[in-house]
Protein backbone atom coordinates (compact mmCIF):
# COMPACT_ATOMS: atom_id res chain seq x y z
CA MET A 1 128.11 -55.28 81.30
CA ILE A 2 124.81 -56.91 80.43
CA GLY A 3 124.01 -59.57 83.03
CA VAL A 4 125.57 -57.57 85.89
CA LYS A 5 123.51 -54.38 86.00
CA GLU A 6 120.21 -54.36 87.86
CA TYR A 7 117.28 -52.24 86.72
CA ARG A 8 114.46 -50.86 88.84
CA THR A 9 112.53 -49.47 85.89
CA ILE A 10 109.37 -51.60 85.95
CA THR A 11 106.54 -49.42 84.64
CA GLU A 12 103.71 -51.95 84.44
CA ILE A 13 102.79 -55.45 85.65
CA SER A 14 100.15 -57.29 83.60
CA GLY A 15 99.36 -60.91 84.39
CA PRO A 16 102.66 -62.85 84.11
CA LEU A 17 104.36 -59.95 82.29
CA LEU A 18 106.64 -57.15 83.43
CA PHE A 19 107.24 -54.05 81.30
CA LEU A 20 110.59 -52.29 81.78
CA GLU A 21 112.05 -49.15 80.22
CA LYS A 22 115.49 -47.53 79.87
CA THR A 23 117.47 -50.75 79.71
CA GLU A 24 120.52 -51.55 77.64
CA PRO A 25 119.94 -53.71 74.53
CA VAL A 26 118.86 -57.23 75.52
CA GLY A 27 118.24 -60.34 73.44
CA TYR A 28 114.97 -62.14 72.76
CA GLY A 29 114.57 -65.20 75.00
CA GLU A 30 117.22 -63.99 77.47
CA LEU A 31 117.03 -65.38 81.00
CA VAL A 32 116.11 -62.82 83.68
CA TYR A 33 116.32 -62.82 87.50
CA ILE A 34 113.94 -60.65 89.50
CA THR A 35 114.78 -59.83 93.14
CA LEU A 36 111.79 -58.79 95.29
CA SER A 37 111.97 -56.36 98.19
CA ASP A 38 112.02 -59.27 100.69
CA GLY A 39 114.97 -60.89 98.90
CA THR A 40 112.93 -63.56 97.10
CA LYS A 41 114.22 -64.35 93.62
CA LYS A 42 112.11 -65.23 90.61
CA ARG A 43 113.06 -66.21 87.09
CA GLY A 44 111.78 -64.83 83.82
CA GLN A 45 112.47 -64.67 80.11
CA VAL A 46 112.57 -61.77 77.67
CA LEU A 47 109.43 -62.08 75.57
CA ASP A 48 109.75 -58.90 73.53
CA THR A 49 112.32 -56.17 73.17
CA SER A 50 112.37 -52.76 71.48
CA LYS A 51 114.25 -49.48 71.72
CA ASP A 52 112.10 -48.17 74.56
CA PHE A 53 110.61 -51.19 76.33
CA VAL A 54 111.47 -54.76 77.33
CA VAL A 55 108.71 -57.29 78.12
CA VAL A 56 109.63 -60.04 80.58
CA GLN A 57 107.48 -63.11 81.27
CA VAL A 58 107.85 -64.39 84.85
CA PHE A 59 107.86 -68.17 85.37
CA GLU A 60 106.78 -68.19 89.02
CA GLY A 61 104.05 -65.58 88.49
CA THR A 62 104.13 -61.87 89.34
CA SER A 63 102.57 -62.16 92.80
CA GLY A 64 104.58 -60.06 95.28
CA ILE A 65 106.43 -58.10 92.59
CA ASP A 66 106.16 -54.32 92.72
CA THR A 67 107.67 -51.61 90.56
CA GLY A 68 110.65 -51.36 92.91
CA ALA A 69 111.81 -54.94 92.22
CA ALA A 70 115.33 -55.31 90.78
CA VAL A 71 115.63 -56.97 87.37
CA ARG A 72 118.91 -58.50 86.17
CA PHE A 73 119.51 -59.70 82.61
CA THR A 74 121.92 -62.65 82.42
CA GLY A 75 122.87 -62.50 78.74
CA GLU A 76 121.96 -66.22 78.42
CA THR A 77 118.90 -68.10 77.23
CA ILE A 78 117.20 -70.82 79.31
CA LYS A 79 119.28 -74.00 79.39
CA LEU A 80 118.62 -77.52 80.65
CA PRO A 81 121.41 -79.29 82.56
CA VAL A 82 121.79 -82.55 80.65
CA SER A 83 123.34 -85.81 81.76
CA SER A 84 122.70 -89.54 81.41
CA ASP A 85 121.51 -89.24 85.04
CA LEU A 86 118.29 -87.70 83.65
CA LEU A 87 116.92 -91.24 83.20
CA GLY A 88 114.79 -92.30 86.14
CA ARG A 89 114.08 -88.74 87.27
CA ILE A 90 110.80 -86.85 87.80
CA LEU A 91 111.22 -83.11 87.24
CA SER A 92 109.01 -80.03 87.26
CA GLY A 93 108.06 -78.27 84.05
CA SER A 94 111.08 -76.00 84.49
CA GLY A 95 113.51 -78.84 85.20
CA ASP A 96 113.64 -78.83 89.03
CA PRO A 97 113.54 -82.22 90.85
CA LEU A 98 110.11 -83.35 92.13
CA ASP A 99 111.15 -86.85 93.22
CA GLY A 100 113.15 -85.82 96.29
CA GLY A 101 116.40 -86.55 94.53
CA PRO A 102 119.37 -84.19 94.08
CA ARG A 103 119.69 -81.68 91.29
CA ILE A 104 121.07 -83.02 88.03
CA ILE A 105 124.87 -82.76 87.92
CA PRO A 106 125.26 -81.59 84.33
CA GLU A 107 127.64 -83.01 81.77
CA ASP A 108 126.57 -80.04 79.66
CA ARG A 109 123.90 -77.33 79.49
CA TRP A 110 121.73 -77.20 76.36
CA GLU A 111 119.49 -74.36 75.18
CA ILE A 112 115.88 -75.48 75.32
CA THR A 113 114.78 -73.61 72.20
CA GLY A 114 116.51 -76.17 69.99
CA SER A 115 115.79 -76.12 66.29
CA ALA A 116 113.83 -78.04 63.70
CA ILE A 117 115.78 -80.73 61.86
CA ASN A 118 117.14 -79.59 58.49
CA PRO A 119 114.98 -81.37 55.84
CA TRP A 120 118.12 -82.32 53.89
CA ALA A 121 119.59 -84.01 56.97
CA ARG A 122 116.40 -85.95 57.76
CA ASP A 123 116.43 -89.71 57.27
CA THR A 124 113.20 -91.48 56.31
CA PRO A 125 111.44 -93.04 59.36
CA ARG A 126 111.31 -96.80 58.82
CA GLU A 127 111.54 -99.10 61.85
CA PHE A 128 108.36 -100.40 63.48
CA ILE A 129 107.69 -99.44 67.12
CA GLN A 130 105.48 -101.94 68.95
CA THR A 131 103.16 -100.25 71.44
CA GLY A 132 101.31 -103.42 72.42
CA ILE A 133 97.98 -101.78 71.43
CA SER A 134 96.36 -103.59 68.49
CA THR A 135 94.53 -100.60 66.99
CA ILE A 136 97.85 -98.75 66.72
CA ASP A 137 100.21 -101.61 65.85
CA GLY A 138 97.84 -103.32 63.43
CA MET A 139 95.95 -100.44 61.83
CA ASN A 140 97.91 -97.18 62.41
CA THR A 141 101.47 -98.31 62.91
CA LEU A 142 103.92 -96.04 64.71
CA VAL A 143 107.32 -95.76 62.99
CA ARG A 144 110.59 -94.69 64.57
CA GLY A 145 111.15 -90.98 63.93
CA GLN A 146 107.46 -90.25 63.31
CA LYS A 147 105.24 -87.64 64.97
CA LEU A 148 101.83 -89.23 65.49
CA PRO A 149 99.37 -87.26 67.67
CA ILE A 150 96.45 -88.63 69.68
CA PHE A 151 93.23 -86.60 69.32
CA SER A 152 91.04 -87.04 72.38
CA GLY A 153 88.21 -85.29 74.23
CA SER A 154 87.57 -84.13 77.75
CA GLY A 155 87.03 -87.05 80.13
CA LEU A 156 88.38 -89.70 77.76
CA PRO A 157 91.22 -92.03 78.89
CA HIS A 158 94.02 -90.49 76.82
CA ASN A 159 96.34 -90.32 79.83
CA GLU A 160 95.85 -94.03 80.54
CA ILE A 161 96.66 -94.79 76.90
CA ALA A 162 99.74 -92.57 77.10
CA LEU A 163 100.96 -94.42 80.20
CA GLN A 164 100.32 -97.78 78.56
CA ILE A 165 102.34 -96.75 75.50
CA ALA A 166 105.13 -95.41 77.75
CA ARG A 167 105.27 -98.77 79.58
CA GLN A 168 105.04 -101.04 76.57
CA ALA A 169 106.73 -99.29 73.63
CA LYS A 170 109.72 -101.13 72.21
CA VAL A 171 111.67 -101.61 68.98
CA LEU A 172 111.70 -105.27 67.99
CA GLY A 173 114.73 -107.26 66.94
CA THR A 174 117.35 -104.77 68.13
CA GLU A 175 119.58 -104.42 71.15
CA GLU A 176 119.55 -100.64 70.86
CA GLU A 177 118.63 -98.64 73.97
CA PHE A 178 115.07 -97.27 74.12
CA ALA A 179 113.96 -94.43 76.40
CA VAL A 180 110.74 -92.51 77.06
CA VAL A 181 110.50 -88.77 77.79
CA PHE A 182 107.07 -87.98 79.26
CA ALA A 183 105.93 -84.36 79.61
CA ALA A 184 102.57 -83.48 81.20
CA MET A 185 101.28 -79.89 81.01
CA GLY A 186 98.52 -78.33 83.08
CA ILE A 187 97.64 -81.52 84.96
CA THR A 188 96.04 -81.77 88.41
CA HIS A 189 97.90 -82.92 91.52
CA GLU A 190 95.85 -86.13 91.43
CA GLU A 191 96.91 -86.82 87.84
CA ALA A 192 100.52 -86.08 88.73
CA GLN A 193 100.39 -88.62 91.56
CA THR A 194 98.84 -91.17 89.19
CA PHE A 195 101.62 -90.65 86.64
CA MET A 196 104.40 -90.90 89.24
CA LYS A 197 102.94 -93.99 90.93
CA ASP A 198 102.40 -95.76 87.61
CA PHE A 199 105.95 -95.11 86.42
CA GLU A 200 107.38 -96.31 89.74
CA ARG A 201 105.02 -99.31 90.07
CA THR A 202 105.79 -100.73 86.63
CA GLY A 203 109.51 -100.01 86.62
CA ALA A 204 109.11 -97.89 83.48
CA LEU A 205 110.76 -94.98 85.32
CA GLU A 206 114.17 -96.65 84.95
CA ARG A 207 114.22 -95.79 81.24
CA ALA A 208 112.14 -92.60 81.45
CA VAL A 209 112.50 -88.88 82.13
CA VAL A 210 109.28 -87.28 83.42
CA PHE A 211 108.45 -83.55 83.35
CA LEU A 212 105.31 -82.49 85.25
CA ASN A 213 103.75 -79.03 84.96
CA LEU A 214 100.77 -78.75 87.32
CA ALA A 215 97.53 -76.85 86.71
CA ASP A 216 98.33 -74.36 89.49
CA ASP A 217 101.83 -73.72 88.17
CA PRO A 218 102.25 -70.48 86.21
CA ALA A 219 100.98 -70.70 82.64
CA ILE A 220 104.28 -69.39 81.38
CA GLU A 221 106.06 -72.51 82.68
CA ARG A 222 103.75 -74.53 80.42
CA LEU A 223 105.41 -72.93 77.40
CA ILE A 224 108.87 -74.21 78.32
CA THR A 225 107.86 -77.72 79.52
CA PRO A 226 107.69 -79.39 76.08
CA ARG A 227 110.94 -77.67 75.09
CA MET A 228 112.63 -78.97 78.25
CA ALA A 229 111.39 -82.47 77.40
CA LEU A 230 112.56 -82.31 73.79
CA THR A 231 115.97 -81.00 74.83
CA ALA A 232 116.36 -83.99 77.17
CA ALA A 233 115.25 -86.26 74.31
CA GLU A 234 117.76 -84.71 71.88
CA TYR A 235 120.57 -85.24 74.37
CA LEU A 236 119.66 -88.90 74.91
CA ALA A 237 119.16 -89.51 71.17
CA TYR A 238 122.08 -87.68 69.61
CA GLU A 239 124.70 -87.84 72.38
CA ASN A 240 123.83 -91.28 73.83
CA ASP A 241 122.59 -92.99 70.63
CA MET A 242 119.25 -93.90 72.21
CA HIS A 243 115.88 -94.23 70.50
CA VAL A 244 113.55 -91.91 72.38
CA LEU A 245 109.76 -91.79 72.46
CA VAL A 246 108.48 -88.36 73.55
CA ILE A 247 104.89 -88.19 74.87
CA LEU A 248 103.45 -84.67 75.33
CA THR A 249 100.13 -84.32 77.13
CA ASP A 250 98.09 -82.12 76.92
CA MET A 251 98.98 -79.82 74.01
CA THR A 252 95.61 -78.09 74.42
CA ASN A 253 96.77 -76.77 77.81
CA TYR A 254 99.95 -75.56 76.12
CA CYS A 255 97.94 -73.67 73.48
CA GLU A 256 95.68 -72.16 76.13
CA ALA A 257 98.79 -70.82 77.89
CA LEU A 258 99.94 -69.42 74.54
CA ARG A 259 96.60 -67.65 74.16
CA GLN A 260 96.74 -66.33 77.73
CA ILE A 261 100.20 -64.83 77.21
CA GLY A 262 99.12 -63.38 73.85
CA ALA A 263 96.16 -61.67 75.52
CA ALA A 264 98.42 -60.25 78.25
CA ARG A 265 100.66 -58.79 75.52
CA GLU A 266 97.55 -57.35 73.85
CA GLU A 267 98.34 -59.11 70.58
CA VAL A 268 95.81 -59.13 67.75
CA PRO A 269 94.14 -62.56 68.10
CA GLY A 270 93.72 -65.08 65.30
CA ARG A 271 91.22 -67.95 65.01
CA ARG A 272 89.10 -68.32 68.17
CA GLY A 273 91.40 -65.98 70.05
CA TYR A 274 94.57 -68.03 69.59
CA PRO A 275 97.70 -66.19 68.42
CA GLY A 276 98.18 -65.97 64.68
CA TYR A 277 101.63 -67.51 65.08
CA MET A 278 100.33 -70.66 66.82
CA TYR A 279 101.02 -72.80 63.72
CA THR A 280 104.66 -71.68 63.69
CA ASP A 281 104.96 -72.16 67.45
CA LEU A 282 103.58 -75.71 67.31
CA ALA A 283 105.86 -76.51 64.38
CA THR A 284 108.91 -75.55 66.47
CA ILE A 285 107.87 -78.36 68.85
CA TYR A 286 106.66 -81.05 66.45
CA GLU A 287 109.48 -80.66 63.94
CA ARG A 288 112.07 -81.58 66.56
CA ALA A 289 111.10 -85.23 66.05
CA GLY A 290 112.75 -87.42 63.45
CA ARG A 291 115.89 -89.21 62.40
CA ILE A 292 119.13 -87.56 61.27
CA LYS A 293 121.38 -89.11 58.66
CA GLY A 294 124.55 -90.47 60.17
CA ARG A 295 123.15 -90.50 63.72
CA ARG A 296 122.16 -93.76 65.41
CA GLY A 297 119.60 -92.22 67.76
CA SER A 298 116.09 -91.03 66.89
CA ILE A 299 113.17 -89.10 68.38
CA THR A 300 109.60 -90.29 67.92
CA GLN A 301 106.83 -88.04 69.17
CA ILE A 302 103.26 -88.66 70.37
CA PRO A 303 101.60 -85.32 71.21
CA ILE A 304 98.22 -85.75 72.94
CA LEU A 305 95.53 -83.08 72.77
CA THR A 306 91.94 -82.81 73.94
CA MET A 307 89.69 -81.34 71.25
CA PRO A 308 87.42 -78.67 72.80
CA GLY A 309 83.84 -79.82 72.29
CA ASP A 310 85.18 -82.95 70.49
CA ASP A 311 85.59 -80.65 67.47
CA ILE A 312 88.29 -82.01 65.15
CA THR A 313 88.14 -78.78 63.12
CA HIS A 314 89.16 -76.71 66.18
CA PRO A 315 92.39 -74.74 65.49
CA ILE A 316 94.54 -76.91 67.80
CA PRO A 317 93.86 -80.33 66.19
CA ASP A 318 93.50 -78.67 62.79
CA LEU A 319 96.97 -77.10 62.88
CA THR A 320 98.47 -80.18 64.54
CA GLY A 321 97.14 -82.34 61.70
CA TYR A 322 98.89 -80.14 59.12
CA ILE A 323 102.28 -80.48 60.83
CA THR A 324 102.26 -84.11 61.95
CA GLU A 325 102.08 -87.42 60.08
CA GLY A 326 98.60 -88.67 60.87
CA GLN A 327 96.45 -88.93 64.00
CA ILE A 328 95.00 -91.48 66.43
CA VAL A 329 91.40 -90.53 67.27
CA ILE A 330 89.82 -91.54 70.59
CA SER A 331 86.07 -92.11 70.33
CA ARG A 332 83.54 -91.01 72.93
CA GLU A 333 81.04 -93.52 71.50
CA LEU A 334 83.39 -96.46 72.07
CA HIS A 335 84.17 -95.13 75.55
CA ARG A 336 80.43 -95.08 76.35
CA LYS A 337 80.30 -98.76 75.35
CA GLY A 338 82.94 -99.53 77.97
CA ILE A 339 85.60 -100.35 75.41
CA TYR A 340 89.24 -99.61 76.30
CA PRO A 341 91.24 -98.26 74.56
CA PRO A 342 88.41 -96.45 72.73
CA ILE A 343 90.45 -95.82 69.55
CA ASN A 344 88.34 -95.31 66.42
CA VAL A 345 90.38 -96.64 63.50
CA LEU A 346 88.14 -95.09 60.81
CA PRO A 347 89.23 -91.41 61.17
CA SER A 348 92.69 -92.46 62.41
CA LEU A 349 95.66 -92.49 60.08
CA SER A 350 99.40 -93.12 60.14
CA ARG A 351 100.90 -91.63 57.00
CA LEU A 352 104.22 -93.44 57.51
CA MET A 353 102.70 -96.84 58.28
CA ASP A 354 103.78 -98.41 54.98
CA ASN A 355 107.44 -97.60 55.78
CA GLY A 356 107.39 -99.66 58.97
CA ILE A 357 105.46 -102.80 58.05
CA GLY A 358 105.95 -105.78 55.76
CA PRO A 359 108.68 -108.41 55.41
CA GLY A 360 111.60 -107.86 57.76
CA GLN A 361 109.58 -105.40 59.87
CA THR A 362 106.30 -106.98 60.92
CA ARG A 363 104.91 -109.56 58.46
CA GLU A 364 104.27 -109.71 54.74
CA ASP A 365 100.48 -109.91 55.16
CA HIS A 366 100.24 -106.85 57.44
CA LYS A 367 99.27 -104.27 54.80
CA GLN A 368 96.58 -106.40 53.16
CA LEU A 369 95.19 -107.53 56.52
CA SER A 370 94.95 -103.93 57.75
CA ASP A 371 93.25 -102.73 54.55
CA GLN A 372 90.75 -105.60 54.64
CA MET A 373 89.81 -105.08 58.29
CA TYR A 374 89.40 -101.35 57.72
CA ALA A 375 87.08 -101.93 54.73
CA ALA A 376 85.02 -104.58 56.52
CA TYR A 377 84.68 -102.53 59.70
CA ALA A 378 83.70 -99.40 57.75
CA GLU A 379 80.96 -101.33 55.95
CA GLY A 380 79.69 -102.78 59.23
CA VAL A 381 79.52 -99.34 60.85
CA ASP A 382 77.60 -97.97 57.84
CA LEU A 383 75.11 -100.84 58.15
CA ARG A 384 74.38 -99.85 61.77
CA GLY A 385 72.82 -96.68 60.43
CA LEU A 386 70.66 -98.72 58.08
CA VAL A 387 69.57 -101.04 60.90
CA ALA A 388 68.33 -98.02 62.85
CA ILE A 389 65.96 -97.28 59.96
CA VAL A 390 64.79 -100.65 58.59
CA GLY A 391 65.64 -103.08 61.38
CA LYS A 392 68.17 -105.90 61.46
CA GLU A 393 65.75 -108.43 59.96
CA ALA A 394 65.59 -106.49 56.70
CA LEU A 395 69.33 -107.00 56.04
CA SER A 396 70.62 -109.70 53.70
CA ALA A 397 72.67 -112.61 55.08
CA ARG A 398 75.83 -110.96 53.68
CA ASP A 399 75.07 -107.64 55.38
CA GLN A 400 74.39 -109.35 58.69
CA LYS A 401 77.85 -110.93 58.58
CA PHE A 402 79.47 -107.51 58.13
CA LEU A 403 77.31 -106.13 60.95
CA ARG A 404 78.51 -108.96 63.18
CA PHE A 405 82.11 -108.34 62.08
CA ALA A 406 81.91 -104.71 63.28
CA ASP A 407 80.72 -105.88 66.72
CA LEU A 408 83.44 -108.54 66.95
CA PHE A 409 86.10 -106.08 65.79
CA GLU A 410 85.25 -103.66 68.60
CA ASP A 411 84.83 -106.35 71.24
CA ARG A 412 87.93 -108.43 70.47
CA PHE A 413 90.37 -106.36 68.41
CA VAL A 414 89.84 -102.85 69.81
CA ARG A 415 89.11 -103.91 73.39
CA GLN A 416 92.08 -104.98 75.46
CA GLY A 417 93.25 -104.72 79.05
CA ARG A 418 95.10 -101.71 80.46
CA GLU A 419 98.03 -103.99 81.28
CA GLU A 420 97.71 -106.16 78.15
CA ASP A 421 100.79 -105.97 75.94
CA ARG A 422 99.97 -107.69 72.64
CA SER A 423 102.81 -108.61 70.31
CA ILE A 424 102.43 -107.77 66.63
CA GLU A 425 102.06 -111.51 65.93
CA GLU A 426 99.13 -111.74 68.36
CA THR A 427 97.54 -108.66 66.78
CA LEU A 428 97.81 -110.02 63.24
CA GLU A 429 96.57 -113.49 64.22
CA LEU A 430 93.58 -111.91 65.99
CA GLY A 431 92.82 -109.97 62.80
CA TRP A 432 92.80 -113.17 60.76
CA GLU A 433 90.49 -114.88 63.27
CA LEU A 434 87.98 -112.04 62.83
CA LEU A 435 88.23 -112.03 59.02
CA ALA A 436 87.57 -115.78 59.04
CA GLU A 437 83.99 -114.88 60.06
CA LEU A 438 83.47 -113.39 56.57
CA PRO A 439 83.11 -115.38 53.31
CA GLU A 440 86.40 -115.69 51.42
CA THR A 441 84.77 -114.08 48.41
CA GLU A 442 84.41 -110.86 50.43
CA LEU A 443 88.16 -110.58 51.14
CA THR A 444 88.62 -108.37 48.10
CA ARG A 445 91.61 -106.42 49.46
CA MET A 446 93.78 -109.53 49.59
CA ASP A 447 95.47 -111.64 46.92
CA ARG A 448 94.89 -115.37 46.68
CA GLU A 449 98.44 -116.25 47.78
CA THR A 450 98.08 -114.34 51.07
CA ILE A 451 94.70 -115.94 51.79
CA GLU A 452 96.07 -119.44 51.11
CA LYS A 453 99.06 -118.85 53.41
CA TYR A 454 97.48 -117.07 56.38
CA HIS A 455 93.70 -117.72 56.45
CA PRO A 456 92.97 -119.88 59.54
CA LYS A 457 90.73 -122.29 57.62
CA LYS A 458 93.37 -122.77 54.92
CA ARG A 459 96.09 -123.36 57.50
CA ARG A 460 93.97 -125.93 59.32
CA LYS A 461 93.24 -127.67 56.03
CA ASN A 462 96.88 -127.67 54.97
CA GLY A 463 97.86 -128.92 58.42
CA ASP A 464 95.37 -131.82 58.09
CA GLN A 465 96.80 -132.71 54.69
CA ARG A 466 100.36 -132.65 56.04
CA SER A 467 99.38 -134.98 58.87
């Protein structure tokens, strides 16, 4: 029977791959155990199968394996032991405990491959998720069930932002349970320690499941880490009715592992050497986020990726942008100014923002306030280029006010502390304070009724009249 027989028919070892011949028919994705001559066991997965050859990718690397090693096919795919005890645990990229705790006692075992949500069964993402970060909550709102990636660059504080979101994210006005699944791929030991200490220090670990794949772990493990995380999220969301935020960092390391495995298989490369199927592969991860009709739970996803050379047209951010519903862009220029979090709202976008803001969600003035701040900030940034040519003194009084607004926007609205958790009310009020620096005649994205009700000067005047 398949799963019992052992084969000693390894003909070639290439990187993390084993090539076997003369096996019985085996299935794609099947779990494999390899026994070395010294008795050590390693795990692998069937990557490719044909009439003559089977290709196995080894999770722990092929070091120490020779052609005499015994290979056993289990007849099963990789499964994650799932249980409500997952919360509060720190696990490796392949699901083994890293926190010194016992192995998970499973209530069930779920296949990690999962599947994309049927479009017909999808429910429209609506509810507002408060991250406590003004540039996201106020300008690029995250909605429950959305997939909203963060585009960053090497050396920028995307991991700090991810940790802050993991600590602070909440759904307002509900008693429903909220959990965070945090998966880090290809990180250093120092970064891993930072993540673990931060989760433990802030108490966020109590409602979190953490998967850590280190830089010196086999690249092949990096390919299963996000799937492990999403399987845990699906269990918590659809079996325990929880609302789950999944943070995946760094998807660039995942794609590099995909390219490495593709090269070992001698596949014909696509753009910049990445596999031609990378779009499909990424979609199998991103499309596991969402809401399902008739189910109380939901999965919201924030993939984080570093753009090689800060190039937003690179295949990884390019393909990610096609699949997801917007992007949050981290700016190197703002980072150089010492501004945290250095989120540039101009190229950022949340395509589902309108579903999660307004009366009953945030506030009725949210949409107009966001549009007006965006327009004013964009004009101020454009004027900086003009100042570099003609000097500040050559600007009109009106232009100087917009130039000042851009500086204030970055210094007061964008800049906030790493531990600062702003409510949506605080974010919106701060936006109005900044817009009060501009003449009312320039607030062209707002109607008169909204200005009369929320403009600080109008409220002070109305308050004086009432007194």
